[in-house]
Amino acid sequence: MHSIHQVMSEDHKRCDDMFVEAQKYAARKDWVAARQYTDLFARNVLQHFNHEETVLFPAFEQKTGMTHGPTEVMRDEHITMRALV
């Protein structure tokens, strides 16, 4: 059984790896592959944000009673990242 930390860390790394691949293909001017990895990254990172916001953050907030702490900061970061993606 995996811990939530392990699962989320692995998902972060997977998203990071997709972004790195997109950058590699862009550097090679392989625009088709760069677009494929960019699209894959975007879908996965947005899914990751959604999972955090609908499952992880509410569970954390309910358990800790903190609603204006780290989850608020991360939600703001997600807004910024969504605009960039």
PDB file of N, CA and C in Angstrom:
ATOM      1  N   MET A   1       0.844  -1.180   0.000  1.00  0.00           N
ATOM      2  CA  MET A   1       0.000   0.000   0.000  1.00  0.00           C
ATOM      3  C   MET A   1       0.893   1.249   0.000  1.00  0.00           C
ATOM      4  N   HIS A   2       0.524   2.218  -0.815  1.00  0.00           N
ATOM      5  CA  HIS A   2       1.305   3.436  -0.942  1.00  0.00           C
ATOM      6  C   HIS A   2       0.710   4.541  -0.077  1.00  0.00           C
ATOM      7  N   SER A   3       1.579   5.376   0.454  1.00  0.00           N
ATOM      8  CA  SER A   3       1.115   6.528   1.223  1.00  0.00           C
ATOM      9  C   SER A   3       0.659   7.612   0.259  1.00  0.00           C
ATOM     10  N   ILE A   4      -0.168   8.531   0.744  1.00  0.00           N
ATOM     11  CA  ILE A   4      -0.623   9.641  -0.090  1.00  0.00           C
ATOM     12  C   ILE A   4       0.569  10.472  -0.538  1.00  0.00           C
ATOM     13  N   HIS A   5       1.548  10.627   0.332  1.00  0.00           N
ATOM     14  CA  HIS A   5       2.759  11.370  -0.031  1.00  0.00           C
ATOM     15  C   HIS A   5       3.457  10.715  -1.211  1.00  0.00           C
ATOM     16  N   GLN A   6       3.596   9.401  -1.169  1.00  0.00           N
ATOM     17  CA  GLN A   6       4.265   8.675  -2.244  1.00  0.00           C
ATOM     18  C   GLN A   6       3.478   8.794  -3.549  1.00  0.00           C
ATOM     19  N   VAL A   7       2.180   8.617  -3.478  1.00  0.00           N
ATOM     20  CA  VAL A   7       1.338   8.694  -4.674  1.00  0.00           C
ATOM     21  C   VAL A   7       1.423  10.085  -5.302  1.00  0.00           C
ATOM     22  N   MET A   8       1.290  11.121  -4.488  1.00  0.00           N
ATOM     23  CA  MET A   8       1.322  12.479  -5.015  1.00  0.00           C
ATOM     24  C   MET A   8       2.708  12.835  -5.523  1.00  0.00           C
ATOM     25  N   SER A   9       3.751  12.395  -4.846  1.00  0.00           N
ATOM     26  CA  SER A   9       5.119  12.657  -5.306  1.00  0.00           C
ATOM     27  C   SER A   9       5.377  11.992  -6.650  1.00  0.00           C
ATOM     28  N   GLU A  10       4.915  10.762  -6.797  1.00  0.00           N
ATOM     29  CA  GLU A  10       5.087  10.051  -8.068  1.00  0.00           C
ATOM     30  C   GLU A  10       4.320  10.758  -9.185  1.00  0.00           C
ATOM     31  N   ASP A  11       3.129  11.256  -8.865  1.00  0.00           N
ATOM     32  CA  ASP A  11       2.341  11.962  -9.872  1.00  0.00           C
ATOM     33  C   ASP A  11       3.006  13.286 -10.256  1.00  0.00           C
ATOM     34  N   HIS A  12       3.554  14.003  -9.276  1.00  0.00           N
ATOM     35  CA  HIS A  12       4.297  15.235  -9.572  1.00  0.00           C
ATOM     36  C   HIS A  12       5.457  14.932 -10.516  1.00  0.00           C
ATOM     37  N   LYS A  13       6.194  13.872 -10.214  1.00  0.00           N
ATOM     38  CA  LYS A  13       7.349  13.510 -11.039  1.00  0.00           C
ATOM     39  C   LYS A  13       6.909  13.133 -12.448  1.00  0.00           C
ATOM     40  N   ARG A  14       5.821  12.400 -12.552  1.00  0.00           N
ATOM     41  CA  ARG A  14       5.314  12.000 -13.869  1.00  0.00           C
ATOM     42  C   ARG A  14       4.959  13.237 -14.695  1.00  0.00           C
ATOM     43  N   CYS A  15       4.290  14.206 -14.089  1.00  0.00           N
ATOM     44  CA  CYS A  15       3.947  15.448 -14.784  1.00  0.00           C
ATOM     45  C   CYS A  15       5.215  16.215 -15.162  1.00  0.00           C
ATOM     46  N   ASP A  16       6.159  16.295 -14.249  1.00  0.00           N
ATOM     47  CA  ASP A  16       7.435  16.970 -14.532  1.00  0.00           C
ATOM     48  C   ASP A  16       8.145  16.311 -15.713  1.00  0.00           C
ATOM     49  N   ASP A  17       8.145  14.984 -15.735  1.00  0.00           N
ATOM     50  CA  ASP A  17       8.805  14.251 -16.818  1.00  0.00           C
ATOM     51  C   ASP A  17       8.153  14.548 -18.168  1.00  0.00           C
ATOM     52  N   MET A  18       6.844  14.667 -18.201  1.00  0.00           N
ATOM     53  CA  MET A  18       6.146  14.998 -19.447  1.00  0.00           C
ATOM     54  C   MET A  18       6.546  16.385 -19.937  1.00  0.00           C
ATOM     55  N   PHE A  19       6.663  17.321 -19.020  1.00  0.00           N
ATOM     56  CA  PHE A  19       7.062  18.674 -19.380  1.00  0.00           C
ATOM     57  C   PHE A  19       8.492  18.690 -19.929  1.00  0.00           C
ATOM     58  N   VAL A  20       9.381  17.944 -19.286  1.00  0.00           N
ATOM     59  CA  VAL A  20      10.773  17.851 -19.752  1.00  0.00           C
ATOM     60  C   VAL A  20      10.815  17.265 -21.160  1.00  0.00           C
ATOM     61  N   GLU A  21      10.020  16.241 -21.414  1.00  0.00           N
ATOM     62  CA  GLU A  21       9.983  15.645 -22.751  1.00  0.00           C
ATOM     63  C   GLU A  21       9.497  16.658 -23.780  1.00  0.00           C
ATOM     64  N   ALA A  22       8.485  17.422 -23.444  1.00  0.00           N
ATOM     65  CA  ALA A  22       7.991  18.459 -24.362  1.00  0.00           C
ATOM     66  C   ALA A  22       9.100  19.456 -24.679  1.00  0.00           C
ATOM     67  N   GLN A  23       9.853  19.841 -23.663  1.00  0.00           N
ATOM     68  CA  GLN A  23      10.959  20.778 -23.866  1.00  0.00           C
ATOM     69  C   GLN A  23      12.040  20.178 -24.769  1.00  0.00           C
ATOM     70  N   LYS A  24      12.343  18.910 -24.574  1.00  0.00           N
ATOM     71  CA  LYS A  24      13.359  18.244 -25.398  1.00  0.00           C
ATOM     72  C   LYS A  24      12.959  18.259 -26.871  1.00  0.00           C
ATOM     73  N   TYR A  25      11.692  17.904 -27.139  1.00  0.00           N
ATOM     74  CA  TYR A  25      11.234  17.871 -28.524  1.00  0.00           C
ATOM     75  C   TYR A  25      11.170  19.277 -29.117  1.00  0.00           C
ATOM     76  N   ALA A  26      10.809  20.255 -28.322  1.00  0.00           N
ATOM     77  CA  ALA A  26      10.792  21.633 -28.809  1.00  0.00           C
ATOM     78  C   ALA A  26      12.207  22.086 -29.153  1.00  0.00           C
ATOM     79  N   ALA A  27      13.179  21.731 -28.332  1.00  0.00           N
ATOM     80  CA  ALA A  27      14.568  22.098 -28.610  1.00  0.00           C
ATOM     81  C   ALA A  27      15.060  21.477 -29.921  1.00  0.00           C
ATOM     82  N   ARG A  28      14.519  20.313 -30.248  1.00  0.00           N
ATOM     83  CA  ARG A  28      14.879  19.631 -31.506  1.00  0.00           C
ATOM     84  C   ARG A  28      14.036  20.125 -32.688  1.00  0.00           C
ATOM     85  N   LYS A  29      13.107  21.024 -32.380  1.00  0.00           N
ATOM     86  CA  LYS A  29      12.169  21.552 -33.368  1.00  0.00           C
ATOM     87  C   LYS A  29      11.250  20.475 -33.946  1.00  0.00           C
ATOM     88  N   ASP A  30      11.003  19.451 -33.146  1.00  0.00           N
ATOM     89  CA  ASP A  30      10.031  18.415 -33.512  1.00  0.00           C
ATOM     90  C   ASP A  30       8.702  18.855 -32.920  1.00  0.00           C
ATOM     91  N   TRP A  31       8.024  19.722 -33.664  1.00  0.00           N
ATOM     92  CA  TRP A  31       6.837  20.397 -33.131  1.00  0.00           C
ATOM     93  C   TRP A  31       5.664  19.448 -32.914  1.00  0.00           C
ATOM     94  N   VAL A  32       5.566  18.407 -33.708  1.00  0.00           N
ATOM     95  CA  VAL A  32       4.470  17.450 -33.529  1.00  0.00           C
ATOM     96  C   VAL A  32       4.628  16.731 -32.188  1.00  0.00           C
ATOM     97  N   ALA A  33       5.804  16.207 -31.930  1.00  0.00           N
ATOM     98  CA  ALA A  33       6.055  15.504 -30.665  1.00  0.00           C
ATOM     99  C   ALA A  33       5.989  16.471 -29.487  1.00  0.00           C
ATOM    100  N   ALA A  34       6.529  17.677 -29.678  1.00  0.00           N
ATOM    101  CA  ALA A  34       6.467  18.682 -28.596  1.00  0.00           C
ATOM    102  C   ALA A  34       5.016  18.969 -28.243  1.00  0.00           C
ATOM    103  N   ARG A  35       4.171  19.107 -29.240  1.00  0.00           N
ATOM    104  CA  ARG A  35       2.746  19.378 -28.999  1.00  0.00           C
ATOM    105  C   ARG A  35       2.085  18.197 -28.296  1.00  0.00           C
ATOM    106  N   GLN A  36       2.425  16.990 -28.713  1.00  0.00           N
ATOM    107  CA  GLN A  36       1.842  15.800 -28.081  1.00  0.00           C
ATOM    108  C   GLN A  36       2.181  15.748 -26.593  1.00  0.00           C
ATOM    109  N   TYR A  37       3.454  15.985 -26.268  1.00  0.00           N
ATOM    110  CA  TYR A  37       3.855  15.951 -24.859  1.00  0.00           C
ATOM    111  C   TYR A  37       3.307  17.146 -24.087  1.00  0.00           C
ATOM    112  N   THR A  38       3.197  18.286 -24.743  1.00  0.00           N
ATOM    113  CA  THR A  38       2.606  19.450 -24.083  1.00  0.00           C
ATOM    114  C   THR A  38       1.141  19.186 -23.759  1.00  0.00           C
ATOM    115  N   ASP A  39       0.420  18.625 -24.713  1.00  0.00           N
ATOM    116  CA  ASP A  39      -0.988  18.291 -24.475  1.00  0.00           C
ATOM    117  C   ASP A  39      -1.131  17.239 -23.378  1.00  0.00           C
ATOM    118  N   LEU A  40      -0.266  16.237 -23.407  1.00  0.00           N
ATOM    119  CA  LEU A  40      -0.289  15.186 -22.382  1.00  0.00           C
ATOM    120  C   LEU A  40       0.003  15.781 -21.008  1.00  0.00           C
ATOM    121  N   PHE A  41       1.021  16.642 -20.943  1.00  0.00           N
ATOM    122  CA  PHE A  41       1.340  17.326 -19.691  1.00  0.00           C
ATOM    123  C   PHE A  41       0.144  18.129 -19.200  1.00  0.00           C
ATOM    124  N   ALA A  42      -0.448  18.922 -20.079  1.00  0.00           N
ATOM    125  CA  ALA A  42      -1.573  19.782 -19.680  1.00  0.00           C
ATOM    126  C   ALA A  42      -2.725  18.952 -19.127  1.00  0.00           C
ATOM    127  N   ARG A  43      -3.101  17.895 -19.830  1.00  0.00           N
ATOM    128  CA  ARG A  43      -4.197  17.043 -19.346  1.00  0.00           C
ATOM    129  C   ARG A  43      -3.883  16.461 -17.969  1.00  0.00           C
ATOM    130  N   ASN A  44      -2.662  15.958 -17.815  1.00  0.00           N
ATOM    131  CA  ASN A  44      -2.299  15.304 -16.562  1.00  0.00           C
ATOM    132  C   ASN A  44      -2.147  16.282 -15.409  1.00  0.00           C
ATOM    133  N   VAL A  45      -1.555  17.434 -15.658  1.00  0.00           N
ATOM    134  CA  VAL A  45      -1.382  18.388 -14.564  1.00  0.00           C
ATOM    135  C   VAL A  45      -2.732  18.957 -14.135  1.00  0.00           C
ATOM    136  N   LEU A  46      -3.635  19.180 -15.091  1.00  0.00           N
ATOM    137  CA  LEU A  46      -4.964  19.677 -14.720  1.00  0.00           C
ATOM    138  C   LEU A  46      -5.752  18.612 -13.959  1.00  0.00           C
ATOM    139  N   GLN A  47      -5.590  17.362 -14.341  1.00  0.00           N
ATOM    140  CA  GLN A  47      -6.215  16.265 -13.600  1.00  0.00           C
ATOM    141  C   GLN A  47      -5.638  16.191 -12.186  1.00  0.00           C
ATOM    142  N   HIS A  48      -4.338  16.385 -12.068  1.00  0.00           N
ATOM    143  CA  HIS A  48      -3.676  16.365 -10.768  1.00  0.00           C
ATOM    144  C   HIS A  48      -4.233  17.489  -9.881  1.00  0.00           C
ATOM    145  N   PHE A  49      -4.326  18.697 -10.441  1.00  0.00           N
ATOM    146  CA  PHE A  49      -4.885  19.821  -9.680  1.00  0.00           C
ATOM    147  C   PHE A  49      -6.302  19.497  -9.223  1.00  0.00           C
ATOM    148  N   ASN A  50      -7.112  18.953 -10.127  1.00  0.00           N
ATOM    149  CA  ASN A  50      -8.491  18.620  -9.794  1.00  0.00           C
ATOM    150  C   ASN A  50      -8.548  17.616  -8.647  1.00  0.00           C
ATOM    151  N   HIS A  51      -7.689  16.610  -8.693  1.00  0.00           N
ATOM    152  CA  HIS A  51      -7.661  15.603  -7.625  1.00  0.00           C
ATOM    153  C   HIS A  51      -7.289  16.247  -6.288  1.00  0.00           C
ATOM    154  N   GLU A  52      -6.282  17.106  -6.323  1.00  0.00           N
ATOM    155  CA  GLU A  52      -5.890  17.784  -5.084  1.00  0.00           C
ATOM    156  C   GLU A  52      -7.036  18.627  -4.537  1.00  0.00           C
ATOM    157  N   GLU A  53      -7.680  19.375  -5.415  1.00  0.00           N
ATOM    158  CA  GLU A  53      -8.707  20.325  -4.977  1.00  0.00           C
ATOM    159  C   GLU A  53     -10.012  19.661  -4.548  1.00  0.00           C
ATOM    160  N   THR A  54     -10.334  18.502  -5.113  1.00  0.00           N
ATOM    161  CA  THR A  54     -11.604  17.858  -4.785  1.00  0.00           C
ATOM    162  C   THR A  54     -11.491  16.736  -3.765  1.00  0.00           C
ATOM    163  N   VAL A  55     -10.289  16.180  -3.606  1.00  0.00           N
ATOM    164  CA  VAL A  55     -10.114  15.051  -2.682  1.00  0.00           C
ATOM    165  C   VAL A  55      -9.138  15.392  -1.560  1.00  0.00           C
ATOM    166  N   LEU A  56      -7.910  15.698  -1.948  1.00  0.00           N
ATOM    167  CA  LEU A  56      -6.838  15.856  -0.964  1.00  0.00           C
ATOM    168  C   LEU A  56      -7.024  17.087  -0.077  1.00  0.00           C
ATOM    169  N   PHE A  57      -7.235  18.247  -0.690  1.00  0.00           N
ATOM    170  CA  PHE A  57      -7.351  19.477   0.105  1.00  0.00           C
ATOM    171  C   PHE A  57      -8.540  19.435   1.064  1.00  0.00           C
ATOM    172  N   PRO A  58      -9.742  19.027   0.600  1.00  0.00           N
ATOM    173  CA  PRO A  58     -10.854  18.953   1.552  1.00  0.00           C
ATOM    174  C   PRO A  58     -10.585  17.991   2.708  1.00  0.00           C
ATOM    175  N   ALA A  59      -9.938  16.862   2.427  1.00  0.00           N
ATOM    176  CA  ALA A  59      -9.628  15.908   3.499  1.00  0.00           C
ATOM    177  C   ALA A  59      -8.643  16.521   4.488  1.00  0.00           C
ATOM    178  N   PHE A  60      -7.626  17.203   3.970  1.00  0.00           N
ATOM    179  CA  PHE A  60      -6.651  17.872   4.829  1.00  0.00           C
ATOM    180  C   PHE A  60      -7.333  18.943   5.678  1.00  0.00           C
ATOM    181  N   GLU A  61      -8.171  19.750   5.055  1.00  0.00           N
ATOM    182  CA  GLU A  61      -8.858  20.835   5.769  1.00  0.00           C
ATOM    183  C   GLU A  61      -9.800  20.296   6.839  1.00  0.00           C
ATOM    184  N   GLN A  62     -10.500  19.222   6.512  1.00  0.00           N
ATOM    185  CA  GLN A  62     -11.403  18.631   7.502  1.00  0.00           C
ATOM    186  C   GLN A  62     -10.613  18.059   8.681  1.00  0.00           C
ATOM    187  N   LYS A  63      -9.507  17.417   8.389  1.00  0.00           N
ATOM    188  CA  LYS A  63      -8.708  16.784   9.441  1.00  0.00           C
ATOM    189  C   LYS A  63      -8.015  17.821  10.332  1.00  0.00           C
ATOM    190  N   THR A  64      -7.514  18.913   9.724  1.00  0.00           N
ATOM    191  CA  THR A  64      -6.730  19.885  10.476  1.00  0.00           C
ATOM    192  C   THR A  64      -7.521  21.099  10.926  1.00  0.00           C
ATOM    193  N   GLY A  65      -8.653  21.363  10.252  1.00  0.00           N
ATOM    194  CA  GLY A  65      -9.422  22.570  10.539  1.00  0.00           C
ATOM    195  C   GLY A  65      -8.817  23.813   9.903  1.00  0.00           C
ATOM    196  N   MET A  66      -7.711  23.647   9.153  1.00  0.00           N
ATOM    197  CA  MET A  66      -7.043  24.781   8.502  1.00  0.00           C
ATOM    198  C   MET A  66      -7.596  24.951   7.087  1.00  0.00           C
ATOM    199  N   THR A  67      -8.247  26.093   6.846  1.00  0.00           N
ATOM    200  CA  THR A  67      -8.761  26.366   5.511  1.00  0.00           C
ATOM    201  C   THR A  67      -8.065  27.562   4.868  1.00  0.00           C
ATOM    202  N   HIS A  68      -7.277  28.284   5.631  1.00  0.00           N
ATOM    203  CA  HIS A  68      -6.579  29.464   5.102  1.00  0.00           C
ATOM    204  C   HIS A  68      -5.069  29.303   5.248  1.00  0.00           C
ATOM    205  N   GLY A  69      -4.605  28.104   5.029  1.00  0.00           N
ATOM    206  CA  GLY A  69      -3.179  27.827   5.163  1.00  0.00           C
ATOM    207  C   GLY A  69      -2.604  27.336   3.855  1.00  0.00           C
ATOM    208  N   PRO A  70      -1.919  26.213   3.912  1.00  0.00           N
ATOM    209  CA  PRO A  70      -1.229  25.715   2.722  1.00  0.00           C
ATOM    210  C   PRO A  70      -2.165  25.405   1.554  1.00  0.00           C
ATOM    211  N   THR A  71      -3.359  24.929   1.838  1.00  0.00           N
ATOM    212  CA  THR A  71      -4.268  24.605   0.728  1.00  0.00           C
ATOM    213  C   THR A  71      -4.726  25.868   0.006  1.00  0.00           C
ATOM    214  N   GLU A  72      -4.884  26.946   0.730  1.00  0.00           N
ATOM    215  CA  GLU A  72      -5.258  28.205   0.087  1.00  0.00           C
ATOM    216  C   GLU A  72      -4.128  28.680  -0.837  1.00  0.00           C
ATOM    217  N   VAL A  73      -2.908  28.573  -0.373  1.00  0.00           N
ATOM    218  CA  VAL A  73      -1.746  28.960  -1.181  1.00  0.00           C
ATOM    219  C   VAL A  73      -1.669  28.085  -2.432  1.00  0.00           C
ATOM    220  N   MET A  74      -1.854  26.780  -2.252  1.00  0.00           N
ATOM    221  CA  MET A  74      -1.774  25.870  -3.401  1.00  0.00           C
ATOM    222  C   MET A  74      -2.910  26.110  -4.389  1.00  0.00           C
ATOM    223  N   ARG A  75      -4.102  26.420  -3.899  1.00  0.00           N
ATOM    224  CA  ARG A  75      -5.202  26.748  -4.814  1.00  0.00           C
ATOM    225  C   ARG A  75      -4.850  27.984  -5.648  1.00  0.00           C
ATOM    226  N   ASP A  76      -4.256  28.987  -5.005  1.00  0.00           N
ATOM    227  CA  ASP A  76      -3.817  30.177  -5.742  1.00  0.00           C
ATOM    228  C   ASP A  76      -2.749  29.821  -6.779  1.00  0.00           C
ATOM    229  N   GLU A  77      -1.834  28.940  -6.412  1.00  0.00           N
ATOM    230  CA  GLU A  77      -0.816  28.485  -7.365  1.00  0.00           C
ATOM    231  C   GLU A  77      -1.456  27.756  -8.536  1.00  0.00           C
ATOM    232  N   HIS A  78      -2.488  26.971  -8.265  1.00  0.00           N
ATOM    233  CA  HIS A  78      -3.194  26.258  -9.327  1.00  0.00           C
ATOM    234  C   HIS A  78      -3.849  27.231 -10.296  1.00  0.00           C
ATOM    235  N   ILE A  79      -4.411  28.306  -9.773  1.00  0.00           N
ATOM    236  CA  ILE A  79      -5.019  29.341 -10.639  1.00  0.00           C
ATOM    237  C   ILE A  79      -3.966  29.908 -11.577  1.00  0.00           C
ATOM    238  N   THR A  80      -2.807  30.230 -11.032  1.00  0.00           N
ATOM    239  CA  THR A  80      -1.709  30.765 -11.849  1.00  0.00           C
ATOM    240  C   THR A  80      -1.266  29.757 -12.890  1.00  0.00           C
ATOM    241  N   MET A  81      -1.095  28.509 -12.463  1.00  0.00           N
ATOM    242  CA  MET A  81      -0.636  27.468 -13.384  1.00  0.00           C
ATOM    243  C   MET A  81      -1.666  27.188 -14.475  1.00  0.00           C
ATOM    244  N   ARG A  82      -2.949  27.192 -14.126  1.00  0.00           N
ATOM    245  CA  ARG A  82      -3.985  26.964 -15.141  1.00  0.00           C
ATOM    246  C   ARG A  82      -3.910  28.034 -16.239  1.00  0.00           C
ATOM    247  N   ALA A  83      -3.670  29.261 -15.827  1.00  0.00           N
ATOM    248  CA  ALA A  83      -3.552  30.349 -16.800  1.00  0.00           C
ATOM    249  C   ALA A  83      -2.348  30.129 -17.717  1.00  0.00           C
ATOM    250  N   LEU A  84      -1.275  29.592 -17.179  1.00  0.00           N
ATOM    251  CA  LEU A  84      -0.082  29.326 -17.982  1.00  0.00           C
ATOM    252  C   LEU A  84      -0.253  28.118 -18.900  1.00  0.00           C
ATOM    253  N   VAL A  85      -0.959  27.119 -18.394  1.00  0.00           N
ATOM    254  CA  VAL A  85      -1.162  25.890 -19.184  1.00  0.00           C
ATOM    255  C   VAL A  85      -2.120  26.194 -20.312  1.00  0.00           C
TER     256      VAL A  85
END
